[in-house]
């Protein structure tokens, strides 16, 4: 354990923590994940099977409807509650799927 009595490191007068979260994780991560991957498709280079899977899940989880309804400017009014706010719907963690897929992508060396 840390030696909390060490005044060199633990003699704090104050502390400030910035938390950049301004909305639900579903709104900042999950819902825009498919449009983001579509836009940057040249960088991700996912195969068609995986992209079809992402699009199917995006629609099945209600993210596509929320995107069409809420992600407009100017807003149509009060934003509806986003789907899967509690991140408890199985198969709707699309951003996690994207990250996992990136971890298994083979690297290609150019000679």
Protein backbone atom coordinates (compact mmCIF):
# COMPACT_ATOMS: atom_id res chain seq x y z
CA UNK A 1 0.00 0.00 0.00
CA UNK A 2 1.06 3.59 -0.46
CA UNK A 3 2.63 5.34 2.45
CA UNK A 4 -0.03 8.01 2.98
CA UNK A 5 2.03 9.61 5.73
CA UNK A 6 4.73 10.60 3.23
CA UNK A 7 4.15 14.37 3.05
CA UNK A 8 6.19 14.70 -0.12
CA UNK A 9 3.40 13.09 -2.10
CA UNK A 10 0.37 13.09 0.18
CA UNK A 11 0.35 16.55 1.77
CA UNK A 12 -2.36 17.95 -0.49
CA UNK A 13 -4.08 21.24 0.16
CA UNK A 14 -6.67 20.68 -2.52
CA UNK A 15 -7.47 18.60 -5.56
CA UNK A 16 -9.38 19.18 -8.79
CA UNK A 17 -10.70 16.40 -11.01
CA UNK A 18 -12.00 17.01 -14.52
CA UNK A 19 -14.52 14.50 -15.80
CA UNK A 20 -15.27 15.14 -19.47
CA UNK A 21 -18.38 12.93 -19.46
CA UNK A 22 -21.22 15.16 -20.54
CA UNK A 23 -23.79 12.48 -21.33
CA UNK A 24 -24.58 8.81 -21.05
CA UNK A 25 -21.98 6.37 -22.40
CA UNK A 26 -24.65 5.10 -24.79
CA UNK A 27 -24.86 8.58 -26.34
CA UNK A 28 -21.13 9.29 -26.46
CA UNK A 29 -19.84 5.81 -27.36
CA UNK A 30 -22.39 3.26 -28.50
CA UNK A 31 -24.84 5.26 -30.62
CA UNK A 32 -22.26 7.11 -32.78
CA UNK A 33 -20.00 4.06 -33.16
CA UNK A 34 -21.46 2.84 -36.47
CA UNK A 35 -21.58 6.26 -38.18
CA UNK A 36 -18.00 6.82 -36.96
CA UNK A 37 -16.79 3.49 -38.36
CA UNK A 38 -18.67 4.14 -41.61
CA UNK A 39 -17.09 7.57 -41.99
CA UNK A 40 -13.59 6.26 -41.29
CA UNK A 41 -14.05 2.94 -43.11
CA UNK A 42 -10.79 3.41 -44.99
CA UNK A 43 -8.90 3.39 -41.71
CA UNK A 44 -10.76 0.52 -40.06
CA UNK A 45 -10.79 -1.91 -43.01
CA UNK A 46 -13.36 -4.22 -41.45
CA UNK A 47 -14.78 -6.93 -43.70
CA UNK A 48 -18.36 -6.79 -44.98
CA UNK A 49 -19.55 -9.51 -42.61
CA UNK A 50 -18.48 -7.54 -39.54
CA UNK A 51 -19.86 -4.27 -40.94
CA UNK A 52 -23.21 -5.95 -41.65
CA UNK A 53 -23.21 -7.28 -38.08
CA UNK A 54 -22.55 -3.79 -36.69
CA UNK A 55 -25.35 -2.27 -38.75
CA UNK A 56 -27.81 -5.00 -37.75
CA UNK A 57 -27.01 -4.54 -34.05
CA UNK A 58 -27.12 -0.73 -34.39
CA UNK A 59 -30.68 -0.98 -35.68
CA UNK A 60 -31.79 -3.81 -33.36
CA UNK A 61 -30.54 -1.97 -30.27
CA UNK A 62 -32.51 1.16 -31.19
CA UNK A 63 -29.44 3.26 -31.86
CA UNK A 64 -30.39 4.04 -35.47
CA UNK A 65 -33.79 5.39 -34.43
CA UNK A 66 -32.24 7.50 -31.69
CA UNK A 67 -29.63 8.80 -34.15
CA UNK A 68 -32.33 9.90 -36.60
CA UNK A 69 -34.53 11.43 -33.88
CA UNK A 70 -32.05 13.07 -31.55
CA UNK A 71 -28.85 13.74 -33.46
CA UNK A 72 -30.20 16.62 -35.50
CA UNK A 73 -29.63 20.34 -35.40
CA UNK A 74 -31.52 22.27 -34.40
CA UNK A 75 -33.05 19.87 -31.89
CA UNK A 76 -36.69 19.00 -32.42
CA UNK A 77 -37.37 19.47 -28.72
CA UNK A 78 -36.52 17.63 -25.54
CA UNK A 79 -34.28 14.68 -26.32
CA UNK A 80 -35.77 11.24 -25.74
CA UNK A 81 -34.12 8.85 -23.31
CA UNK A 82 -31.38 6.99 -25.18
CA UNK A 83 -31.64 3.23 -25.54
CA UNK A 84 -29.48 0.97 -23.38
CA UNK A 85 -28.54 3.70 -20.89
CA UNK A 86 -27.63 1.09 -18.31
CA UNK A 87 -25.47 -0.83 -20.78
CA UNK A 88 -27.32 -3.96 -19.75
CA UNK A 89 -28.67 -5.14 -23.11
CA UNK A 90 -26.65 -8.08 -24.37
CA UNK A 91 -25.02 -7.49 -27.74
CA UNK A 92 -25.47 -3.71 -27.74
CA UNK A 93 -21.93 -2.73 -26.73
CA UNK A 94 -20.93 -1.84 -30.25
CA UNK A 95 -17.96 0.32 -29.36
CA UNK A 96 -16.53 -2.60 -27.38
CA UNK A 97 -17.04 -4.82 -30.44
CA UNK A 98 -15.14 -2.34 -32.58
CA UNK A 99 -12.26 -2.22 -30.09
CA UNK A 100 -12.12 -6.00 -29.80
CA UNK A 101 -12.07 -6.32 -33.57
CA UNK A 102 -9.20 -3.83 -33.79
CA UNK A 103 -7.18 -5.92 -31.36
CA UNK A 104 -7.34 -8.97 -33.63
CA UNK A 105 -6.68 -7.17 -36.93
CA UNK A 106 -3.45 -8.45 -38.45
CA UNK A 107 -0.79 -5.92 -39.24
CA UNK A 108 0.54 -5.62 -42.76
CA UNK A 109 4.08 -4.52 -43.38
CA UNK A 110 4.91 -2.70 -46.58
CA UNK A 111 8.31 -3.51 -48.09
